[in-house]
């Protein structure tokens, strides 16, 4: 799998259990390995790079919403 360096303005897909929504990276925090994502519904969600799975997940948890970067799959 190709790893993508997140950048402000990049489009993402947020995979929830049974649904996917679009979002845009609003802020990148390299020290905390976290992203703020503005969703298509106007919400702002925080995703943290999970060290065990190497994926950005809601709050860094093993379960819950996950980010995908279109074109990097």
PDB file of N, CA and C in Angstrom:
ATOM      1  N   UNK A   1       0.852  -1.174   0.000  1.00  0.00           N
ATOM      2  CA  UNK A   1       0.000   0.000   0.000  1.00  0.00           C
ATOM      3  C   UNK A   1       0.902   1.242   0.000  1.00  0.00           C
ATOM      4  N   UNK A   2       0.596   2.177  -0.840  1.00  0.00           N
ATOM      5  CA  UNK A   2       1.325   3.434  -0.935  1.00  0.00           C
ATOM      6  C   UNK A   2       0.884   4.371   0.189  1.00  0.00           C
ATOM      7  N   UNK A   3       1.841   4.920   0.931  1.00  0.00           N
ATOM      8  CA  UNK A   3       1.534   5.866   2.004  1.00  0.00           C
ATOM      9  C   UNK A   3       1.520   7.279   1.442  1.00  0.00           C
ATOM     10  N   UNK A   4       0.551   8.052   1.859  1.00  0.00           N
ATOM     11  CA  UNK A   4       0.384   9.418   1.374  1.00  0.00           C
ATOM     12  C   UNK A   4       0.686  10.385   2.507  1.00  0.00           C
ATOM     13  N   UNK A   5       1.437  11.439   2.208  1.00  0.00           N
ATOM     14  CA  UNK A   5       1.679  12.500   3.181  1.00  0.00           C
ATOM     15  C   UNK A   5       0.476  13.434   3.136  1.00  0.00           C
ATOM     16  N   UNK A   6      -0.310  13.501   4.206  1.00  0.00           N
ATOM     17  CA  UNK A   6      -1.491  14.371   4.209  1.00  0.00           C
ATOM     18  C   UNK A   6      -1.096  15.846   4.093  1.00  0.00           C
ATOM     19  N   UNK A   7      -1.850  16.574   3.293  1.00  0.00           N
ATOM     20  CA  UNK A   7      -1.630  18.006   3.137  1.00  0.00           C
ATOM     21  C   UNK A   7      -2.962  18.739   3.293  1.00  0.00           C
ATOM     22  N   UNK A   8      -2.900  19.978   3.748  1.00  0.00           N
ATOM     23  CA  UNK A   8      -4.103  20.789   3.886  1.00  0.00           C
ATOM     24  C   UNK A   8      -4.758  20.940   2.516  1.00  0.00           C
ATOM     25  N   UNK A   9      -6.063  20.709   2.465  1.00  0.00           N
ATOM     26  CA  UNK A   9      -6.817  20.810   1.220  1.00  0.00           C
ATOM     27  C   UNK A   9      -6.991  19.490   0.500  1.00  0.00           C
ATOM     28  N   UNK A  10      -6.295  18.441   0.954  1.00  0.00           N
ATOM     29  CA  UNK A  10      -6.417  17.127   0.311  1.00  0.00           C
ATOM     30  C   UNK A  10      -7.792  16.529   0.584  1.00  0.00           C
ATOM     31  N   UNK A  11      -8.338  15.875  -0.430  1.00  0.00           N
ATOM     32  CA  UNK A  11      -9.620  15.196  -0.275  1.00  0.00           C
ATOM     33  C   UNK A  11      -9.406  13.841   0.371  1.00  0.00           C
ATOM     34  N   UNK A  12     -10.347  13.455   1.239  1.00  0.00           N
ATOM     35  CA  UNK A  12     -10.289  12.164   1.910  1.00  0.00           C
ATOM     36  C   UNK A  12     -11.666  11.517   1.872  1.00  0.00           C
ATOM     37  N   UNK A  13     -11.679  10.227   2.121  1.00  0.00           N
ATOM     38  CA  UNK A  13     -12.918   9.487   2.315  1.00  0.00           C
ATOM     39  C   UNK A  13     -12.920   8.993   3.751  1.00  0.00           C
ATOM     40  N   UNK A  14     -14.048   9.158   4.418  1.00  0.00           N
ATOM     41  CA  UNK A  14     -14.191   8.720   5.803  1.00  0.00           C
ATOM     42  C   UNK A  14     -15.098   7.493   5.790  1.00  0.00           C
ATOM     43  N   UNK A  15     -14.526   6.358   6.167  1.00  0.00           N
ATOM     44  CA  UNK A  15     -15.285   5.113   6.202  1.00  0.00           C
ATOM     45  C   UNK A  15     -15.846   4.893   7.595  1.00  0.00           C
ATOM     46  N   UNK A  16     -17.170   4.947   7.679  1.00  0.00           N
ATOM     47  CA  UNK A  16     -17.883   4.625   8.906  1.00  0.00           C
ATOM     48  C   UNK A  16     -18.417   3.212   8.724  1.00  0.00           C
ATOM     49  N   UNK A  17     -18.939   2.633   9.753  1.00  0.00           N
ATOM     50  CA  UNK A  17     -19.549   1.320   9.641  1.00  0.00           C
ATOM     51  C   UNK A  17     -20.777   1.426   8.736  1.00  0.00           C
ATOM     52  N   UNK A  18     -20.678   0.924   7.522  1.00  0.00           N
ATOM     53  CA  UNK A  18     -21.808   0.921   6.608  1.00  0.00           C
ATOM     54  C   UNK A  18     -22.008   2.178   5.787  1.00  0.00           C
ATOM     55  N   UNK A  19     -21.148   3.169   5.899  1.00  0.00           N
ATOM     56  CA  UNK A  19     -21.302   4.410   5.131  1.00  0.00           C
ATOM     57  C   UNK A  19     -19.942   5.064   4.897  1.00  0.00           C
ATOM     58  N   UNK A  20     -19.875   5.823   3.818  1.00  0.00           N
ATOM     59  CA  UNK A  20     -18.661   6.574   3.499  1.00  0.00           C
ATOM     60  C   UNK A  20     -19.067   8.010   3.205  1.00  0.00           C
ATOM     61  N   UNK A  21     -18.286   8.958   3.716  1.00  0.00           N
ATOM     62  CA  UNK A  21     -18.543  10.361   3.409  1.00  0.00           C
ATOM     63  C   UNK A  21     -17.241  11.027   2.978  1.00  0.00           C
ATOM     64  N   UNK A  22     -17.376  12.123   2.263  1.00  0.00           N
ATOM     65  CA  UNK A  22     -16.226  12.876   1.771  1.00  0.00           C
ATOM     66  C   UNK A  22     -15.807  13.917   2.790  1.00  0.00           C
ATOM     67  N   UNK A  23     -14.526  14.257   2.759  1.00  0.00           N
ATOM     68  CA  UNK A  23     -14.011  15.280   3.638  1.00  0.00           C
ATOM     69  C   UNK A  23     -12.779  15.936   3.031  1.00  0.00           C
ATOM     70  N   UNK A  24     -12.309  16.975   3.695  1.00  0.00           N
ATOM     71  CA  UNK A  24     -11.125  17.714   3.254  1.00  0.00           C
ATOM     72  C   UNK A  24     -10.237  17.953   4.471  1.00  0.00           C
ATOM     73  N   UNK A  25      -8.934  17.750   4.300  1.00  0.00           N
ATOM     74  CA  UNK A  25      -7.987  17.992   5.391  1.00  0.00           C
ATOM     75  C   UNK A  25      -7.945  19.491   5.661  1.00  0.00           C
ATOM     76  N   UNK A  26      -8.233  19.849   6.902  1.00  0.00           N
ATOM     77  CA  UNK A  26      -8.250  21.250   7.310  1.00  0.00           C
ATOM     78  C   UNK A  26      -6.957  21.643   8.019  1.00  0.00           C
ATOM     79  N   UNK A  27      -6.391  20.694   8.758  1.00  0.00           N
ATOM     80  CA  UNK A  27      -5.167  20.969   9.528  1.00  0.00           C
ATOM     81  C   UNK A  27      -4.373  19.687   9.698  1.00  0.00           C
ATOM     82  N   UNK A  28      -3.049  19.800   9.619  1.00  0.00           N
ATOM     83  CA  UNK A  28      -2.147  18.683   9.849  1.00  0.00           C
ATOM     84  C   UNK A  28      -1.285  19.019  11.059  1.00  0.00           C
ATOM     85  N   UNK A  29      -1.267  18.134  12.041  1.00  0.00           N
ATOM     86  CA  UNK A  29      -0.430  18.323  13.227  1.00  0.00           C
ATOM     87  C   UNK A  29       0.602  17.192  13.258  1.00  0.00           C
ATOM     88  N   UNK A  30       1.805  17.428  12.716  1.00  0.00           N
ATOM     89  CA  UNK A  30       2.796  16.366  12.628  1.00  0.00           C
ATOM     90  C   UNK A  30       3.312  15.888  13.984  1.00  0.00           C
ATOM     91  N   UNK A  31       3.328  16.740  14.986  1.00  0.00           N
ATOM     92  CA  UNK A  31       3.817  16.331  16.306  1.00  0.00           C
ATOM     93  C   UNK A  31       2.894  15.327  16.969  1.00  0.00           C
ATOM     94  N   UNK A  32       1.592  15.517  16.816  1.00  0.00           N
ATOM     95  CA  UNK A  32       0.621  14.588  17.395  1.00  0.00           C
ATOM     96  C   UNK A  32       0.166  13.536  16.393  1.00  0.00           C
ATOM     97  N   UNK A  33       0.677  13.634  15.167  1.00  0.00           N
ATOM     98  CA  UNK A  33       0.276  12.721  14.083  1.00  0.00           C
ATOM     99  C   UNK A  33      -1.238  12.713  13.934  1.00  0.00           C
ATOM    100  N   UNK A  34      -1.803  13.929  13.898  1.00  0.00           N
ATOM    101  CA  UNK A  34      -3.251  14.080  13.853  1.00  0.00           C
ATOM    102  C   UNK A  34      -3.675  14.970  12.692  1.00  0.00           C
ATOM    103  N   UNK A  35      -4.912  14.763  12.240  1.00  0.00           N
ATOM    104  CA  UNK A  35      -5.512  15.560  11.172  1.00  0.00           C
ATOM    105  C   UNK A  35      -6.870  16.063  11.640  1.00  0.00           C
ATOM    106  N   UNK A  36      -7.208  17.291  11.262  1.00  0.00           N
ATOM    107  CA  UNK A  36      -8.573  17.782  11.422  1.00  0.00           C
ATOM    108  C   UNK A  36      -9.211  17.722  10.048  1.00  0.00           C
ATOM    109  N   UNK A  37     -10.364  17.080   9.975  1.00  0.00           N
ATOM    110  CA  UNK A  37     -11.060  16.864   8.714  1.00  0.00           C
ATOM    111  C   UNK A  37     -12.409  17.565   8.741  1.00  0.00           C
ATOM    112  N   UNK A  38     -12.673  18.389   7.729  1.00  0.00           N
ATOM    113  CA  UNK A  38     -13.991  19.001   7.549  1.00  0.00           C
ATOM    114  C   UNK A  38     -14.808  18.052   6.686  1.00  0.00           C
ATOM    115  N   UNK A  39     -15.941  17.593   7.207  1.00  0.00           N
ATOM    116  CA  UNK A  39     -16.759  16.626   6.475  1.00  0.00           C
ATOM    117  C   UNK A  39     -17.726  17.331   5.534  1.00  0.00           C
ATOM    118  N   UNK A  40     -18.315  16.548   4.644  1.00  0.00           N
ATOM    119  CA  UNK A  40     -19.292  17.099   3.706  1.00  0.00           C
ATOM    120  C   UNK A  40     -20.544  17.595   4.411  1.00  0.00           C
ATOM    121  N   UNK A  41     -20.740  17.195   5.668  1.00  0.00           N
ATOM    122  CA  UNK A  41     -21.914  17.626   6.434  1.00  0.00           C
ATOM    123  C   UNK A  41     -21.621  18.817   7.330  1.00  0.00           C
ATOM    124  N   UNK A  42     -20.391  19.366   7.214  1.00  0.00           N
ATOM    125  CA  UNK A  42     -20.044  20.561   7.974  1.00  0.00           C
ATOM    126  C   UNK A  42     -19.433  20.307   9.342  1.00  0.00           C
ATOM    127  N   UNK A  43     -19.239  19.049   9.697  1.00  0.00           N
ATOM    128  CA  UNK A  43     -18.606  18.718  10.973  1.00  0.00           C
ATOM    129  C   UNK A  43     -17.086  18.766  10.829  1.00  0.00           C
ATOM    130  N   UNK A  44     -16.392  18.932  11.939  1.00  0.00           N
ATOM    131  CA  UNK A  44     -14.934  18.828  11.962  1.00  0.00           C
ATOM    132  C   UNK A  44     -14.590  17.666  12.886  1.00  0.00           C
ATOM    133  N   UNK A  45     -13.830  16.716  12.355  1.00  0.00           N
ATOM    134  CA  UNK A  45     -13.468  15.532  13.124  1.00  0.00           C
ATOM    135  C   UNK A  45     -11.955  15.410  13.211  1.00  0.00           C
ATOM    136  N   UNK A  46     -11.468  14.863  14.320  1.00  0.00           N
ATOM    137  CA  UNK A  46     -10.034  14.672  14.546  1.00  0.00           C
ATOM    138  C   UNK A  46      -9.689  13.204  14.313  1.00  0.00           C
ATOM    139  N   UNK A  47      -8.677  12.973  13.494  1.00  0.00           N
ATOM    140  CA  UNK A  47      -8.178  11.629  13.217  1.00  0.00           C
ATOM    141  C   UNK A  47      -6.712  11.567  13.600  1.00  0.00           C
ATOM    142  N   UNK A  48      -6.327  10.462  14.219  1.00  0.00           N
ATOM    143  CA  UNK A  48      -4.959  10.283  14.697  1.00  0.00           C
ATOM    144  C   UNK A  48      -4.380   9.038  14.044  1.00  0.00           C
ATOM    145  N   UNK A  49      -3.099   9.093  13.711  1.00  0.00           N
ATOM    146  CA  UNK A  49      -2.430   7.944  13.125  1.00  0.00           C
ATOM    147  C   UNK A  49      -2.296   6.865  14.191  1.00  0.00           C
ATOM    148  N   UNK A  50      -2.927   5.728  13.947  1.00  0.00           N
ATOM    149  CA  UNK A  50      -2.873   4.598  14.864  1.00  0.00           C
ATOM    150  C   UNK A  50      -1.575   3.845  14.619  1.00  0.00           C
ATOM    151  N   UNK A  51      -0.744   3.714  15.631  1.00  0.00           N
ATOM    152  CA  UNK A  51       0.570   3.076  15.472  1.00  0.00           C
ATOM    153  C   UNK A  51       0.457   1.588  15.150  1.00  0.00           C
ATOM    154  N   UNK A  52      -0.568   0.930  15.630  1.00  0.00           N
ATOM    155  CA  UNK A  52      -0.717  -0.511  15.402  1.00  0.00           C
ATOM    156  C   UNK A  52      -1.128  -0.825  13.966  1.00  0.00           C
ATOM    157  N   UNK A  53      -1.977   0.024  13.373  1.00  0.00           N
ATOM    158  CA  UNK A  53      -2.500  -0.265  12.038  1.00  0.00           C
ATOM    159  C   UNK A  53      -1.926   0.640  10.953  1.00  0.00           C
ATOM    160  N   UNK A  54      -1.233   1.705  11.349  1.00  0.00           N
ATOM    161  CA  UNK A  54      -0.680   2.706  10.422  1.00  0.00           C
ATOM    162  C   UNK A  54      -1.772   3.363   9.581  1.00  0.00           C
ATOM    163  N   UNK A  55      -2.952   3.513  10.152  1.00  0.00           N
ATOM    164  CA  UNK A  55      -4.079   4.191   9.501  1.00  0.00           C
ATOM    165  C   UNK A  55      -4.551   5.334  10.402  1.00  0.00           C
ATOM    166  N   UNK A  56      -5.112   6.356   9.754  1.00  0.00           N
ATOM    167  CA  UNK A  56      -5.718   7.445  10.516  1.00  0.00           C
ATOM    168  C   UNK A  56      -7.115   7.002  10.930  1.00  0.00           C
ATOM    169  N   UNK A  57      -7.363   6.997  12.239  1.00  0.00           N
ATOM    170  CA  UNK A  57      -8.658   6.582  12.758  1.00  0.00           C
ATOM    171  C   UNK A  57      -9.195   7.662  13.697  1.00  0.00           C
ATOM    172  N   UNK A  58     -10.503   7.666  13.875  1.00  0.00           N
ATOM    173  CA  UNK A  58     -11.138   8.659  14.753  1.00  0.00           C
ATOM    174  C   UNK A  58     -10.573   8.504  16.159  1.00  0.00           C
ATOM    175  N   UNK A  59      -9.881   9.511  16.626  1.00  0.00           N
ATOM    176  CA  UNK A  59      -9.304   9.495  17.958  1.00  0.00           C
ATOM    177  C   UNK A  59      -8.156   8.525  18.142  1.00  0.00           C
ATOM    178  N   UNK A  60      -7.692   7.868  17.078  1.00  0.00           N
ATOM    179  CA  UNK A  60      -6.596   6.917  17.183  1.00  0.00           C
ATOM    180  C   UNK A  60      -7.010   5.541  17.677  1.00  0.00           C
ATOM    181  N   UNK A  61      -8.312   5.317  17.785  1.00  0.00           N
ATOM    182  CA  UNK A  61      -8.818   4.038  18.293  1.00  0.00           C
ATOM    183  C   UNK A  61      -8.647   2.921  17.258  1.00  0.00           C
ATOM    184  N   UNK A  62      -8.703   1.684  17.726  1.00  0.00           N
ATOM    185  CA  UNK A  62      -8.615   0.542  16.808  1.00  0.00           C
ATOM    186  C   UNK A  62      -9.915   0.346  16.038  1.00  0.00           C
ATOM    187  N   UNK A  63     -11.019   0.813  16.602  1.00  0.00           N
ATOM    188  CA  UNK A  63     -12.310   0.685  15.936  1.00  0.00           C
ATOM    189  C   UNK A  63     -12.848   2.080  15.629  1.00  0.00           C
ATOM    190  N   UNK A  64     -13.879   2.130  14.817  1.00  0.00           N
ATOM    191  CA  UNK A  64     -14.486   3.419  14.485  1.00  0.00           C
ATOM    192  C   UNK A  64     -14.133   3.877  13.084  1.00  0.00           C
ATOM    193  N   UNK A  65     -14.391   5.137  12.808  1.00  0.00           N
ATOM    194  CA  UNK A  65     -14.190   5.696  11.471  1.00  0.00           C
ATOM    195  C   UNK A  65     -12.704   5.691  11.099  1.00  0.00           C
ATOM    196  N   UNK A  66     -12.444   5.448   9.792  1.00  0.00           N
ATOM    197  CA  UNK A  66     -11.084   5.440   9.253  1.00  0.00           C
ATOM    198  C   UNK A  66     -11.012   6.329   8.027  1.00  0.00           C
ATOM    199  N   UNK A  67      -9.837   6.874   7.793  1.00  0.00           N
ATOM    200  CA  UNK A  67      -9.623   7.718   6.618  1.00  0.00           C
ATOM    201  C   UNK A  67      -9.011   6.920   5.489  1.00  0.00           C
ATOM    202  N   UNK A  68      -9.424   7.276   4.288  1.00  0.00           N
ATOM    203  CA  UNK A  68      -8.779   6.783   3.063  1.00  0.00           C
ATOM    204  C   UNK A  68      -8.433   7.992   2.216  1.00  0.00           C
ATOM    205  N   UNK A  69      -7.341   7.884   1.475  1.00  0.00           N
ATOM    206  CA  UNK A  69      -6.910   8.950   0.577  1.00  0.00           C
ATOM    207  C   UNK A  69      -7.137   8.480  -0.853  1.00  0.00           C
ATOM    208  N   UNK A  70      -8.115   9.055  -1.574  1.00  0.00           N
ATOM    209  CA  UNK A  70      -8.379   8.636  -2.948  1.00  0.00           C
ATOM    210  C   UNK A  70      -7.121   8.717  -3.810  1.00  0.00           C
ATOM    211  N   UNK A  71      -6.931   7.710  -4.645  1.00  0.00           N
ATOM    212  CA  UNK A  71      -5.778   7.687  -5.532  1.00  0.00           C
ATOM    213  C   UNK A  71      -4.562   7.042  -4.923  1.00  0.00           C
ATOM    214  N   UNK A  72      -4.614   6.725  -3.619  1.00  0.00           N
ATOM    215  CA  UNK A  72      -3.462   6.102  -2.954  1.00  0.00           C
ATOM    216  C   UNK A  72      -3.679   4.622  -2.718  1.00  0.00           C
ATOM    217  N   UNK A  73      -4.817   4.104  -3.167  1.00  0.00           N
ATOM    218  CA  UNK A  73      -5.121   2.682  -2.916  1.00  0.00           C
ATOM    219  C   UNK A  73      -4.622   1.830  -4.038  1.00  0.00           C
TER     220      UNK A  73
END
